[in-house]
Amino acid sequence: MSDIRLSEKKTYSPQEIRLQNGTSFENKRAGRILAGFQGSRPVIDIERGKYFTESFRKTEGQPLVMRWAKALYNYAEHATVYVDDDQLIAGRAGRSGRYGILYPELDGIFSMKP
């Protein structure tokens, strides 16, 4: 077998180069987005969990596939859509800043005992 060696020269992305050079992002969209995250405390957005739970309570006893469909419909009908100034695609779930979304429909899978 031949000994193939990868080049030891490192390749950096444009973002990595700007960070290494200390180039400011201040007047650029990415910089404004990052500045909005700096120093902010992460939060959990419970809206999805609220609407899924609400629907699952109302549809108890119905076939599971219908309960899922109705829960998704309930969430889509009531969810707050956030549109930030620097978004390229308008609208997202979850509030501004650093956040996580609560997915109650997935949580039960991990907490069930055999």
N, C-alpha and C. Protein backbone atom coordinates (compact mmCIF):
# COMPACT_ATOMS: atom_id res chain seq x y z
N MET A 1 0.83 -1.18 0.00
CA MET A 1 0.00 0.00 0.00
C MET A 1 0.87 1.25 0.00
N SER A 2 0.41 2.22 -0.72
CA SER A 2 1.18 3.47 -0.74
C SER A 2 0.80 4.32 0.47
N ASP A 3 1.74 5.08 0.91
CA ASP A 3 1.54 5.95 2.05
C ASP A 3 1.01 7.30 1.56
N ILE A 4 -0.28 7.51 1.76
CA ILE A 4 -0.90 8.76 1.31
C ILE A 4 -1.02 9.69 2.51
N ARG A 5 -0.47 10.87 2.39
CA ARG A 5 -0.53 11.85 3.48
C ARG A 5 -1.34 13.05 3.02
N LEU A 6 -2.19 13.47 3.91
CA LEU A 6 -2.97 14.66 3.61
C LEU A 6 -2.10 15.89 3.82
N SER A 7 -2.39 16.91 3.11
CA SER A 7 -1.65 18.15 3.25
C SER A 7 -1.78 18.65 4.68
N GLU A 8 -0.70 19.13 5.23
CA GLU A 8 -0.74 19.64 6.59
C GLU A 8 -1.17 21.10 6.61
N LYS A 9 -1.39 21.67 5.46
CA LYS A 9 -1.85 23.05 5.37
C LYS A 9 -3.32 23.10 5.80
N LYS A 10 -3.63 23.99 6.73
CA LYS A 10 -5.00 24.10 7.20
C LYS A 10 -5.78 25.05 6.31
N THR A 11 -7.03 24.69 6.10
CA THR A 11 -7.92 25.53 5.32
C THR A 11 -8.99 26.10 6.25
N TYR A 12 -9.16 27.40 6.19
CA TYR A 12 -10.13 28.06 7.06
C TYR A 12 -11.27 28.63 6.24
N SER A 13 -12.44 28.64 6.85
CA SER A 13 -13.61 29.25 6.20
C SER A 13 -13.47 30.77 6.30
N PRO A 14 -14.21 31.51 5.48
CA PRO A 14 -14.16 32.98 5.58
C PRO A 14 -14.52 33.48 6.99
N GLN A 15 -15.46 32.80 7.64
CA GLN A 15 -15.84 33.20 9.00
C GLN A 15 -14.69 33.00 9.98
N GLU A 16 -13.98 31.87 9.85
CA GLU A 16 -12.85 31.60 10.74
C GLU A 16 -11.74 32.61 10.53
N ILE A 17 -11.51 32.99 9.30
CA ILE A 17 -10.48 33.97 9.00
C ILE A 17 -10.83 35.32 9.62
N ARG A 18 -12.10 35.73 9.50
CA ARG A 18 -12.52 37.01 10.11
C ARG A 18 -12.36 36.96 11.62
N LEU A 19 -12.70 35.85 12.24
CA LEU A 19 -12.55 35.73 13.69
C LEU A 19 -11.09 35.78 14.11
N GLN A 20 -10.22 35.10 13.36
CA GLN A 20 -8.79 35.10 13.67
C GLN A 20 -8.18 36.49 13.51
N ASN A 21 -8.64 37.22 12.51
CA ASN A 21 -8.10 38.56 12.24
C ASN A 21 -8.75 39.63 13.10
N GLY A 22 -9.76 39.26 13.83
CA GLY A 22 -10.46 40.23 14.66
C GLY A 22 -11.30 41.20 13.85
N THR A 23 -11.62 40.83 12.62
CA THR A 23 -12.42 41.69 11.77
C THR A 23 -13.81 41.85 12.37
N SER A 24 -14.28 43.05 12.38
CA SER A 24 -15.58 43.36 12.98
C SER A 24 -16.73 42.91 12.08
N PHE A 25 -17.78 42.43 12.72
CA PHE A 25 -19.01 42.06 12.02
C PHE A 25 -20.06 43.17 12.16
N GLU A 26 -19.73 44.25 12.86
CA GLU A 26 -20.72 45.22 13.30
C GLU A 26 -21.71 45.67 12.22
N ASN A 27 -21.25 45.92 11.02
CA ASN A 27 -22.15 46.43 9.99
C ASN A 27 -22.69 45.35 9.08
N LYS A 28 -22.50 44.12 9.47
CA LYS A 28 -22.95 43.02 8.64
C LYS A 28 -24.06 42.26 9.36
N ARG A 29 -24.91 41.63 8.59
CA ARG A 29 -26.06 40.90 9.13
C ARG A 29 -25.64 39.86 10.16
N ALA A 30 -24.63 39.07 9.85
CA ALA A 30 -24.18 38.02 10.79
C ALA A 30 -23.71 38.62 12.10
N GLY A 31 -23.05 39.75 12.04
CA GLY A 31 -22.58 40.41 13.25
C GLY A 31 -23.73 40.89 14.12
N ARG A 32 -24.76 41.41 13.48
CA ARG A 32 -25.93 41.87 14.23
C ARG A 32 -26.64 40.69 14.89
N ILE A 33 -26.71 39.57 14.18
CA ILE A 33 -27.34 38.37 14.76
C ILE A 33 -26.53 37.88 15.95
N LEU A 34 -25.21 37.78 15.78
CA LEU A 34 -24.34 37.32 16.88
C LEU A 34 -24.39 38.27 18.07
N ALA A 35 -24.43 39.56 17.80
CA ALA A 35 -24.49 40.54 18.89
C ALA A 35 -25.76 40.37 19.70
N GLY A 36 -26.84 39.97 19.06
CA GLY A 36 -28.10 39.75 19.75
C GLY A 36 -28.05 38.55 20.69
N PHE A 37 -27.14 37.63 20.45
CA PHE A 37 -27.01 36.43 21.28
C PHE A 37 -26.06 36.65 22.45
N GLN A 38 -25.07 37.52 22.26
CA GLN A 38 -24.03 37.69 23.27
C GLN A 38 -24.62 38.15 24.59
N GLY A 39 -24.25 37.46 25.64
CA GLY A 39 -24.66 37.83 26.97
C GLY A 39 -26.11 37.51 27.30
N SER A 40 -26.83 36.93 26.34
CA SER A 40 -28.23 36.61 26.64
C SER A 40 -28.32 35.24 27.30
N ARG A 41 -29.27 35.13 28.19
CA ARG A 41 -29.48 33.88 28.93
C ARG A 41 -30.39 32.97 28.10
N PRO A 42 -30.02 31.70 27.93
CA PRO A 42 -30.87 30.77 27.17
C PRO A 42 -32.20 30.54 27.89
N VAL A 43 -33.26 30.40 27.12
CA VAL A 43 -34.59 30.14 27.66
C VAL A 43 -35.21 28.97 26.93
N ILE A 44 -36.23 28.39 27.54
CA ILE A 44 -37.00 27.32 26.91
C ILE A 44 -38.32 27.90 26.43
N ASP A 45 -38.62 27.70 25.17
CA ASP A 45 -39.89 28.15 24.61
C ASP A 45 -40.88 26.99 24.74
N ILE A 46 -41.91 27.18 25.55
CA ILE A 46 -42.85 26.09 25.85
C ILE A 46 -44.10 26.12 24.98
N GLU A 47 -44.17 27.03 24.03
CA GLU A 47 -45.39 27.19 23.24
C GLU A 47 -45.79 25.90 22.53
N ARG A 48 -44.85 25.22 21.89
CA ARG A 48 -45.17 23.97 21.19
C ARG A 48 -45.71 22.94 22.18
N GLY A 49 -45.05 22.84 23.32
CA GLY A 49 -45.50 21.91 24.35
C GLY A 49 -46.90 22.23 24.84
N LYS A 50 -47.18 23.50 25.00
CA LYS A 50 -48.50 23.94 25.47
C LYS A 50 -49.59 23.50 24.50
N TYR A 51 -49.40 23.76 23.20
CA TYR A 51 -50.44 23.45 22.22
C TYR A 51 -50.56 21.96 21.93
N PHE A 52 -49.45 21.23 21.98
CA PHE A 52 -49.52 19.77 21.82
C PHE A 52 -50.26 19.14 22.98
N THR A 53 -49.90 19.56 24.19
CA THR A 53 -50.54 19.00 25.39
C THR A 53 -52.03 19.32 25.39
N GLU A 54 -52.37 20.56 25.06
CA GLU A 54 -53.78 20.97 24.99
C GLU A 54 -54.57 20.06 24.04
N SER A 55 -54.01 19.81 22.86
CA SER A 55 -54.69 18.99 21.86
C SER A 55 -54.77 17.53 22.30
N PHE A 56 -53.69 16.99 22.85
CA PHE A 56 -53.70 15.59 23.27
C PHE A 56 -54.71 15.36 24.39
N ARG A 57 -54.91 16.34 25.24
CA ARG A 57 -55.93 16.20 26.30
C ARG A 57 -57.33 16.16 25.70
N LYS A 58 -57.56 16.99 24.68
CA LYS A 58 -58.89 17.05 24.05
C LYS A 58 -59.20 15.82 23.21
N THR A 59 -58.17 15.15 22.69
CA THR A 59 -58.39 14.04 21.75
C THR A 59 -58.15 12.67 22.39
N GLU A 60 -58.09 12.62 23.70
CA GLU A 60 -57.86 11.34 24.39
C GLU A 60 -58.88 10.30 23.94
N GLY A 61 -58.40 9.09 23.65
CA GLY A 61 -59.27 8.00 23.22
C GLY A 61 -59.39 7.86 21.71
N GLN A 62 -58.95 8.86 20.97
CA GLN A 62 -58.98 8.79 19.51
C GLN A 62 -57.75 8.04 19.00
N PRO A 63 -57.76 7.56 17.77
CA PRO A 63 -56.58 6.89 17.21
C PRO A 63 -55.36 7.81 17.25
N LEU A 64 -54.21 7.23 17.56
CA LEU A 64 -52.99 8.01 17.75
C LEU A 64 -52.65 8.87 16.52
N VAL A 65 -52.83 8.34 15.32
CA VAL A 65 -52.49 9.10 14.13
C VAL A 65 -53.36 10.36 14.03
N MET A 66 -54.62 10.27 14.43
CA MET A 66 -55.51 11.44 14.43
C MET A 66 -55.10 12.45 15.51
N ARG A 67 -54.67 11.93 16.64
CA ARG A 67 -54.24 12.81 17.73
C ARG A 67 -53.02 13.62 17.31
N TRP A 68 -52.08 12.95 16.63
CA TRP A 68 -50.88 13.63 16.13
C TRP A 68 -51.26 14.70 15.11
N ALA A 69 -52.11 14.34 14.18
CA ALA A 69 -52.53 15.28 13.14
C ALA A 69 -53.21 16.50 13.76
N LYS A 70 -54.09 16.26 14.71
CA LYS A 70 -54.81 17.36 15.34
C LYS A 70 -53.88 18.22 16.21
N ALA A 71 -52.90 17.58 16.83
CA ALA A 71 -51.94 18.33 17.64
C ALA A 71 -51.09 19.25 16.75
N LEU A 72 -50.63 18.72 15.62
CA LEU A 72 -49.86 19.55 14.69
C LEU A 72 -50.71 20.69 14.14
N TYR A 73 -51.94 20.41 13.82
CA TYR A 73 -52.85 21.43 13.32
C TYR A 73 -53.07 22.51 14.39
N ASN A 74 -53.30 22.09 15.62
CA ASN A 74 -53.51 23.03 16.73
C ASN A 74 -52.29 23.93 16.91
N TYR A 75 -51.12 23.33 16.84
CA TYR A 75 -49.88 24.12 16.99
C TYR A 75 -49.74 25.10 15.83
N ALA A 76 -49.94 24.63 14.61
CA ALA A 76 -49.79 25.50 13.44
C ALA A 76 -50.80 26.64 13.46
N GLU A 77 -51.98 26.37 13.97
CA GLU A 77 -53.03 27.37 14.02
C GLU A 77 -52.77 28.46 15.07
N HIS A 78 -52.11 28.10 16.18
CA HIS A 78 -51.93 29.03 17.29
C HIS A 78 -50.51 29.53 17.52
N ALA A 79 -49.53 28.93 16.90
CA ALA A 79 -48.13 29.27 17.18
C ALA A 79 -47.81 30.72 16.81
N THR A 80 -47.00 31.34 17.63
CA THR A 80 -46.51 32.67 17.33
C THR A 80 -45.40 32.54 16.30
N VAL A 81 -45.46 33.36 15.27
CA VAL A 81 -44.42 33.36 14.25
C VAL A 81 -43.54 34.59 14.50
N TYR A 82 -42.26 34.37 14.70
CA TYR A 82 -41.33 35.44 14.97
C TYR A 82 -40.61 35.81 13.68
N VAL A 83 -40.56 37.10 13.39
CA VAL A 83 -39.86 37.59 12.21
C VAL A 83 -38.85 38.63 12.69
N ASP A 84 -37.58 38.34 12.52
CA ASP A 84 -36.53 39.25 12.92
C ASP A 84 -36.05 40.06 11.73
N ASP A 85 -35.49 41.22 12.00
CA ASP A 85 -35.03 42.12 10.94
C ASP A 85 -33.98 41.49 10.02
N ASP A 86 -33.09 40.70 10.56
CA ASP A 86 -31.97 40.18 9.78
C ASP A 86 -32.19 38.78 9.22
N GLN A 87 -33.41 38.27 9.25
CA GLN A 87 -33.67 36.94 8.70
C GLN A 87 -33.69 36.97 7.19
N LEU A 88 -33.16 35.92 6.60
CA LEU A 88 -33.23 35.77 5.14
C LEU A 88 -34.52 35.07 4.75
N ILE A 89 -34.98 34.17 5.59
CA ILE A 89 -36.27 33.50 5.40
C ILE A 89 -37.14 33.93 6.57
N ALA A 90 -38.27 34.53 6.26
CA ALA A 90 -39.10 35.12 7.31
C ALA A 90 -39.88 34.07 8.08
N GLY A 91 -39.88 34.22 9.39
CA GLY A 91 -40.69 33.38 10.26
C GLY A 91 -39.94 32.19 10.82
N ARG A 92 -40.08 32.00 12.12
CA ARG A 92 -39.49 30.83 12.77
C ARG A 92 -40.22 30.58 14.08
N ALA A 93 -40.07 29.40 14.59
CA ALA A 93 -40.61 29.07 15.91
C ALA A 93 -39.54 29.46 16.93
N GLY A 94 -39.95 29.81 18.08
CA GLY A 94 -39.00 30.17 19.12
C GLY A 94 -38.78 31.67 19.16
N ARG A 95 -38.57 32.14 20.33
CA ARG A 95 -38.41 33.58 20.55
C ARG A 95 -37.04 34.07 20.12
N SER A 96 -36.83 35.37 20.24
CA SER A 96 -35.54 35.96 19.88
C SER A 96 -34.46 35.56 20.87
N GLY A 97 -33.23 35.59 20.42
CA GLY A 97 -32.10 35.27 21.29
C GLY A 97 -31.81 33.79 21.33
N ARG A 98 -31.23 33.36 22.43
CA ARG A 98 -30.86 31.95 22.62
C ARG A 98 -32.04 31.22 23.23
N TYR A 99 -32.50 30.18 22.56
CA TYR A 99 -33.67 29.47 23.04
C TYR A 99 -33.61 28.01 22.64
N GLY A 100 -34.39 27.22 23.34
CA GLY A 100 -34.61 25.83 22.99
C GLY A 100 -36.11 25.62 22.93
N ILE A 101 -36.56 24.70 22.12
CA ILE A 101 -38.00 24.44 21.98
C ILE A 101 -38.33 23.13 22.68
N LEU A 102 -39.38 23.13 23.45
CA LEU A 102 -39.84 21.95 24.16
C LEU A 102 -40.66 21.08 23.21
N TYR A 103 -40.25 19.82 23.04
CA TYR A 103 -40.95 18.87 22.18
C TYR A 103 -41.56 17.77 23.04
N PRO A 104 -42.77 17.98 23.57
CA PRO A 104 -43.36 16.99 24.48
C PRO A 104 -43.65 15.66 23.80
N GLU A 105 -43.89 15.68 22.50
CA GLU A 105 -44.21 14.43 21.80
C GLU A 105 -43.00 13.51 21.71
N LEU A 106 -41.80 14.04 21.89
CA LEU A 106 -40.60 13.20 21.86
C LEU A 106 -40.14 12.81 23.25
N ASP A 107 -40.44 13.61 24.24
CA ASP A 107 -39.97 13.38 25.60
C ASP A 107 -40.43 12.05 26.17
N GLY A 108 -41.67 11.66 25.91
CA GLY A 108 -42.22 10.44 26.48
C GLY A 108 -41.48 9.18 26.05
N ILE A 109 -40.87 9.20 24.89
CA ILE A 109 -40.14 8.05 24.38
C ILE A 109 -38.99 7.68 25.32
N PHE A 110 -38.33 8.69 25.86
CA PHE A 110 -37.15 8.44 26.68
C PHE A 110 -37.50 8.18 28.14
N SER A 111 -38.67 8.60 28.58
CA SER A 111 -38.99 8.44 29.99
C SER A 111 -39.85 7.21 30.29
N MET A 112 -40.26 6.50 29.26
CA MET A 112 -41.10 5.32 29.48
C MET A 112 -40.25 4.16 30.00
N LYS A 113 -40.78 3.46 30.99
CA LYS A 113 -40.06 2.29 31.54
C LYS A 113 -40.60 1.03 30.88
N PRO A 114 -39.73 0.04 30.63
CA PRO A 114 -40.18 -1.21 29.98
C PRO A 114 -41.09 -2.03 30.86
